[in-house]
Amino acid sequence: LPAIENSFKYEDSNGHLGGINNKIKVIKRISFGYRNFSNFRNRILLGFNHKRIAPNS
């Protein structure tokens, strides 16, 4: 019952997070050609319009 009351009280949902996870899964499914995790990570960040981050040296 408290969970149902909270669903009416707050407008937040897991929809946004689910969309992010789905987009990462789609990128993962088509990303067999990446040589290392850094390239894969950069592709995910580019998919969400973030800037590339240089790998740690």
PDB file of N, CA and C in Angstrom:
ATOM      1  N   LEU A   1       0.814  -1.206   0.000  1.00  0.00           N
ATOM      2  CA  LEU A   1       0.000   0.000   0.000  1.00  0.00           C
ATOM      3  C   LEU A   1       0.860   1.275   0.000  1.00  0.00           C
ATOM      4  N   PRO A   2       1.952   1.335   0.791  1.00  0.00           N
ATOM      5  CA  PRO A   2       2.771   2.558   0.740  1.00  0.00           C
ATOM      6  C   PRO A   2       3.398   2.796  -0.642  1.00  0.00           C
ATOM      7  N   ALA A   3       3.735   1.727  -1.342  1.00  0.00           N
ATOM      8  CA  ALA A   3       4.326   1.902  -2.676  1.00  0.00           C
ATOM      9  C   ALA A   3       3.321   2.503  -3.643  1.00  0.00           C
ATOM     10  N   ILE A   4       2.068   2.095  -3.531  1.00  0.00           N
ATOM     11  CA  ILE A   4       1.029   2.650  -4.404  1.00  0.00           C
ATOM     12  C   ILE A   4       0.783   4.116  -4.072  1.00  0.00           C
ATOM     13  N   GLU A   5       0.777   4.454  -2.791  1.00  0.00           N
ATOM     14  CA  GLU A   5       0.603   5.852  -2.394  1.00  0.00           C
ATOM     15  C   GLU A   5       1.745   6.707  -2.926  1.00  0.00           C
ATOM     16  N   ASN A   6       2.970   6.193  -2.847  1.00  0.00           N
ATOM     17  CA  ASN A   6       4.116   6.947  -3.358  1.00  0.00           C
ATOM     18  C   ASN A   6       4.034   7.140  -4.867  1.00  0.00           C
ATOM     19  N   SER A   7       3.469   6.168  -5.590  1.00  0.00           N
ATOM     20  CA  SER A   7       3.360   6.315  -7.043  1.00  0.00           C
ATOM     21  C   SER A   7       2.428   7.461  -7.413  1.00  0.00           C
ATOM     22  N   PHE A   8       1.427   7.733  -6.588  1.00  0.00           N
ATOM     23  CA  PHE A   8       0.548   8.872  -6.842  1.00  0.00           C
ATOM     24  C   PHE A   8       1.166  10.180  -6.358  1.00  0.00           C
ATOM     25  N   LYS A   9       1.970  10.103  -5.299  1.00  0.00           N
ATOM     26  CA  LYS A   9       2.553  11.297  -4.699  1.00  0.00           C
ATOM     27  C   LYS A   9       3.710  11.847  -5.534  1.00  0.00           C
ATOM     28  N   TYR A  10       4.544  10.945  -6.089  1.00  0.00           N
ATOM     29  CA  TYR A  10       5.735  11.348  -6.840  1.00  0.00           C
ATOM     30  C   TYR A  10       5.575  10.971  -8.306  1.00  0.00           C
ATOM     31  N   GLU A  11       6.097  11.812  -9.188  1.00  0.00           N
ATOM     32  CA  GLU A  11       5.963  11.572 -10.621  1.00  0.00           C
ATOM     33  C   GLU A  11       7.170  10.848 -11.203  1.00  0.00           C
ATOM     34  N   ASP A  12       8.126  10.451 -10.398  1.00  0.00           N
ATOM     35  CA  ASP A  12       9.318   9.773 -10.885  1.00  0.00           C
ATOM     36  C   ASP A  12       8.985   8.340 -11.276  1.00  0.00           C
ATOM     37  N   SER A  13       9.744   7.816 -12.238  1.00  0.00           N
ATOM     38  CA  SER A  13       9.564   6.423 -12.636  1.00  0.00           C
ATOM     39  C   SER A  13      10.911   5.871 -13.100  1.00  0.00           C
ATOM     40  N   ASN A  14      10.936   4.585 -13.379  1.00  0.00           N
ATOM     41  CA  ASN A  14      12.147   3.937 -13.862  1.00  0.00           C
ATOM     42  C   ASN A  14      12.255   3.990 -15.379  1.00  0.00           C
ATOM     43  N   GLY A  15      11.341   4.665 -16.041  1.00  0.00           N
ATOM     44  CA  GLY A  15      11.320   4.708 -17.494  1.00  0.00           C
ATOM     45  C   GLY A  15      12.579   5.298 -18.094  1.00  0.00           C
ATOM     46  N   HIS A  16      13.071   6.377 -17.528  1.00  0.00           N
ATOM     47  CA  HIS A  16      14.272   7.021 -18.060  1.00  0.00           C
ATOM     48  C   HIS A  16      15.482   6.097 -17.925  1.00  0.00           C
ATOM     49  N   LEU A  17      15.646   5.503 -16.760  1.00  0.00           N
ATOM     50  CA  LEU A  17      16.769   4.592 -16.541  1.00  0.00           C
ATOM     51  C   LEU A  17      16.655   3.359 -17.427  1.00  0.00           C
ATOM     52  N   GLY A  18      15.452   2.859 -17.618  1.00  0.00           N
ATOM     53  CA  GLY A  18      15.255   1.719 -18.507  1.00  0.00           C
ATOM     54  C   GLY A  18      15.647   2.046 -19.936  1.00  0.00           C
ATOM     55  N   GLY A  19      15.355   3.269 -20.379  1.00  0.00           N
ATOM     56  CA  GLY A  19      15.745   3.700 -21.717  1.00  0.00           C
ATOM     57  C   GLY A  19      17.247   3.770 -21.882  1.00  0.00           C
ATOM     58  N   ILE A  20      17.925   4.254 -20.852  1.00  0.00           N
ATOM     59  CA  ILE A  20      19.387   4.320 -20.887  1.00  0.00           C
ATOM     60  C   ILE A  20      19.973   2.915 -20.984  1.00  0.00           C
ATOM     61  N   ASN A  21      19.473   1.998 -20.142  1.00  0.00           N
ATOM     62  CA  ASN A  21      19.972   0.623 -20.166  1.00  0.00           C
ATOM     63  C   ASN A  21      19.719  -0.028 -21.517  1.00  0.00           C
ATOM     64  N   ASN A  22      18.564   0.217 -22.107  1.00  0.00           N
ATOM     65  CA  ASN A  22      18.250  -0.368 -23.412  1.00  0.00           C
ATOM     66  C   ASN A  22      19.195   0.157 -24.480  1.00  0.00           C
ATOM     67  N   LYS A  23      19.479   1.451 -24.448  1.00  0.00           N
ATOM     68  CA  LYS A  23      20.380   2.032 -25.445  1.00  0.00           C
ATOM     69  C   LYS A  23      21.781   1.443 -25.318  1.00  0.00           C
ATOM     70  N   ILE A  24      22.255   1.246 -24.088  1.00  0.00           N
ATOM     71  CA  ILE A  24      23.572   0.640 -23.881  1.00  0.00           C
ATOM     72  C   ILE A  24      23.571  -0.800 -24.377  1.00  0.00           C
ATOM     73  N   LYS A  25      22.491  -1.535 -24.152  1.00  0.00           N
ATOM     74  CA  LYS A  25      22.413  -2.923 -24.624  1.00  0.00           C
ATOM     75  C   LYS A  25      22.445  -2.996 -26.144  1.00  0.00           C
ATOM     76  N   VAL A  26      21.782  -2.046 -26.808  1.00  0.00           N
ATOM     77  CA  VAL A  26      21.795  -2.026 -28.275  1.00  0.00           C
ATOM     78  C   VAL A  26      23.199  -1.728 -28.777  1.00  0.00           C
ATOM     79  N   ILE A  27      23.885  -0.767 -28.174  1.00  0.00           N
ATOM     80  CA  ILE A  27      25.259  -0.452 -28.561  1.00  0.00           C
ATOM     81  C   ILE A  27      26.148  -1.666 -28.314  1.00  0.00           C
ATOM     82  N   LYS A  28      25.948  -2.345 -27.193  1.00  0.00           N
ATOM     83  CA  LYS A  28      26.731  -3.534 -26.857  1.00  0.00           C
ATOM     84  C   LYS A  28      26.519  -4.637 -27.892  1.00  0.00           C
ATOM     85  N   ARG A  29      25.286  -4.790 -28.366  1.00  0.00           N
ATOM     86  CA  ARG A  29      24.961  -5.839 -29.327  1.00  0.00           C
ATOM     87  C   ARG A  29      25.681  -5.626 -30.657  1.00  0.00           C
ATOM     88  N   ILE A  30      25.863  -4.366 -31.065  1.00  0.00           N
ATOM     89  CA  ILE A  30      26.477  -4.089 -32.361  1.00  0.00           C
ATOM     90  C   ILE A  30      27.955  -3.730 -32.243  1.00  0.00           C
ATOM     91  N   SER A  31      28.534  -3.825 -31.052  1.00  0.00           N
ATOM     92  CA  SER A  31      29.896  -3.310 -30.835  1.00  0.00           C
ATOM     93  C   SER A  31      30.944  -4.411 -30.737  1.00  0.00           C
ATOM     94  N   PHE A  32      30.788  -5.490 -31.475  1.00  0.00           N
ATOM     95  CA  PHE A  32      31.766  -6.566 -31.391  1.00  0.00           C
ATOM     96  C   PHE A  32      33.119  -6.164 -31.939  1.00  0.00           C
ATOM     97  N   GLY A  33      33.221  -5.112 -32.756  1.00  0.00           N
ATOM     98  CA  GLY A  33      34.466  -4.736 -33.387  1.00  0.00           C
ATOM     99  C   GLY A  33      35.380  -3.859 -32.544  1.00  0.00           C
ATOM    100  N   TYR A  34      34.949  -3.428 -31.371  1.00  0.00           N
ATOM    101  CA  TYR A  34      35.793  -2.551 -30.570  1.00  0.00           C
ATOM    102  C   TYR A  34      36.957  -3.334 -29.971  1.00  0.00           C
ATOM    103  N   ARG A  35      38.129  -2.735 -30.013  1.00  0.00           N
ATOM    104  CA  ARG A  35      39.328  -3.423 -29.548  1.00  0.00           C
ATOM    105  C   ARG A  35      39.458  -3.438 -28.034  1.00  0.00           C
ATOM    106  N   ASN A  36      38.964  -2.404 -27.378  1.00  0.00           N
ATOM    107  CA  ASN A  36      39.105  -2.363 -25.922  1.00  0.00           C
ATOM    108  C   ASN A  36      37.914  -1.639 -25.293  1.00  0.00           C
ATOM    109  N   PHE A  37      37.855  -1.698 -23.993  1.00  0.00           N
ATOM    110  CA  PHE A  37      36.731  -1.119 -23.263  1.00  0.00           C
ATOM    111  C   PHE A  37      36.680   0.395 -23.418  1.00  0.00           C
ATOM    112  N   SER A  38      37.837   1.042 -23.533  1.00  0.00           N
ATOM    113  CA  SER A  38      37.872   2.497 -23.659  1.00  0.00           C
ATOM    114  C   SER A  38      37.101   2.954 -24.900  1.00  0.00           C
ATOM    115  N   ASN A  39      37.297   2.263 -26.024  1.00  0.00           N
ATOM    116  CA  ASN A  39      36.567   2.621 -27.246  1.00  0.00           C
ATOM    117  C   ASN A  39      35.071   2.381 -27.082  1.00  0.00           C
ATOM    118  N   PHE A  40      34.715   1.296 -26.425  1.00  0.00           N
ATOM    119  CA  PHE A  40      33.312   0.991 -26.180  1.00  0.00           C
ATOM    120  C   PHE A  40      32.681   2.050 -25.289  1.00  0.00           C
ATOM    121  N   ARG A  41      33.394   2.443 -24.248  1.00  0.00           N
ATOM    122  CA  ARG A  41      32.917   3.476 -23.322  1.00  0.00           C
ATOM    123  C   ARG A  41      32.723   4.804 -24.046  1.00  0.00           C
ATOM    124  N   ASN A  42      33.693   5.162 -24.887  1.00  0.00           N
ATOM    125  CA  ASN A  42      33.575   6.414 -25.641  1.00  0.00           C
ATOM    126  C   ASN A  42      32.368   6.387 -26.566  1.00  0.00           C
ATOM    127  N   ARG A  43      32.070   5.219 -27.162  1.00  0.00           N
ATOM    128  CA  ARG A  43      30.912   5.104 -28.038  1.00  0.00           C
ATOM    129  C   ARG A  43      29.612   5.308 -27.263  1.00  0.00           C
ATOM    130  N   ILE A  44      29.554   4.779 -26.052  1.00  0.00           N
ATOM    131  CA  ILE A  44      28.370   4.975 -25.217  1.00  0.00           C
ATOM    132  C   ILE A  44      28.218   6.453 -24.866  1.00  0.00           C
ATOM    133  N   LEU A  45      29.311   7.096 -24.482  1.00  0.00           N
ATOM    134  CA  LEU A  45      29.245   8.509 -24.123  1.00  0.00           C
ATOM    135  C   LEU A  45      28.834   9.363 -25.323  1.00  0.00           C
ATOM    136  N   LEU A  46      29.329   9.016 -26.508  1.00  0.00           N
ATOM    137  CA  LEU A  46      28.929   9.754 -27.703  1.00  0.00           C
ATOM    138  C   LEU A  46      27.453   9.540 -28.008  1.00  0.00           C
ATOM    139  N   GLY A  47      26.942   8.363 -27.709  1.00  0.00           N
ATOM    140  CA  GLY A  47      25.533   8.082 -27.932  1.00  0.00           C
ATOM    141  C   GLY A  47      24.625   8.940 -27.070  1.00  0.00           C
ATOM    142  N   PHE A  48      25.139   9.389 -25.940  1.00  0.00           N
ATOM    143  CA  PHE A  48      24.367  10.244 -25.046  1.00  0.00           C
ATOM    144  C   PHE A  48      24.810  11.705 -25.123  1.00  0.00           C
ATOM    145  N   ASN A  49      25.523  12.060 -26.204  1.00  0.00           N
ATOM    146  CA  ASN A  49      25.959  13.431 -26.476  1.00  0.00           C
ATOM    147  C   ASN A  49      26.891  13.983 -25.407  1.00  0.00           C
ATOM    148  N   HIS A  50      27.722  13.124 -24.847  1.00  0.00           N
ATOM    149  CA  HIS A  50      28.764  13.576 -23.942  1.00  0.00           C
ATOM    150  C   HIS A  50      30.072  13.656 -24.709  1.00  0.00           C
ATOM    151  N   LYS A  51      31.009  14.415 -24.176  1.00  0.00           N
ATOM    152  CA  LYS A  51      32.302  14.521 -24.832  1.00  0.00           C
ATOM    153  C   LYS A  51      33.134  13.284 -24.531  1.00  0.00           C
ATOM    154  N   ARG A  52      34.053  12.986 -25.429  1.00  0.00           N
ATOM    155  CA  ARG A  52      34.974  11.874 -25.203  1.00  0.00           C
ATOM    156  C   ARG A  52      35.882  12.199 -24.041  1.00  0.00           C
ATOM    157  N   ILE A  53      36.204  11.198 -23.291  1.00  0.00           N
ATOM    158  CA  ILE A  53      37.128  11.362 -22.175  1.00  0.00           C
ATOM    159  C   ILE A  53      38.380  10.558 -22.508  1.00  0.00           C
ATOM    160  N   ALA A  54      39.534  11.207 -22.415  1.00  0.00           N
ATOM    161  CA  ALA A  54      40.787  10.537 -22.733  1.00  0.00           C
ATOM    162  C   ALA A  54      41.028   9.394 -21.759  1.00  0.00           C
ATOM    163  N   PRO A  55      41.588   8.277 -22.236  1.00  0.00           N
ATOM    164  CA  PRO A  55      41.862   7.155 -21.347  1.00  0.00           C
ATOM    165  C   PRO A  55      42.917   7.531 -20.305  1.00  0.00           C
ATOM    166  N   ASN A  56      42.828   6.874 -19.162  1.00  0.00           N
ATOM    167  CA  ASN A  56      43.819   7.119 -18.114  1.00  0.00           C
ATOM    168  C   ASN A  56      45.170   6.563 -18.524  1.00  0.00           C
ATOM    169  N   SER A  57      46.199   7.348 -18.306  1.00  0.00           N
ATOM    170  CA  SER A  57      47.558   6.923 -18.688  1.00  0.00           C
ATOM    171  C   SER A  57      48.277   6.309 -17.516  1.00  0.00           C
TER     172      SER A  57
END
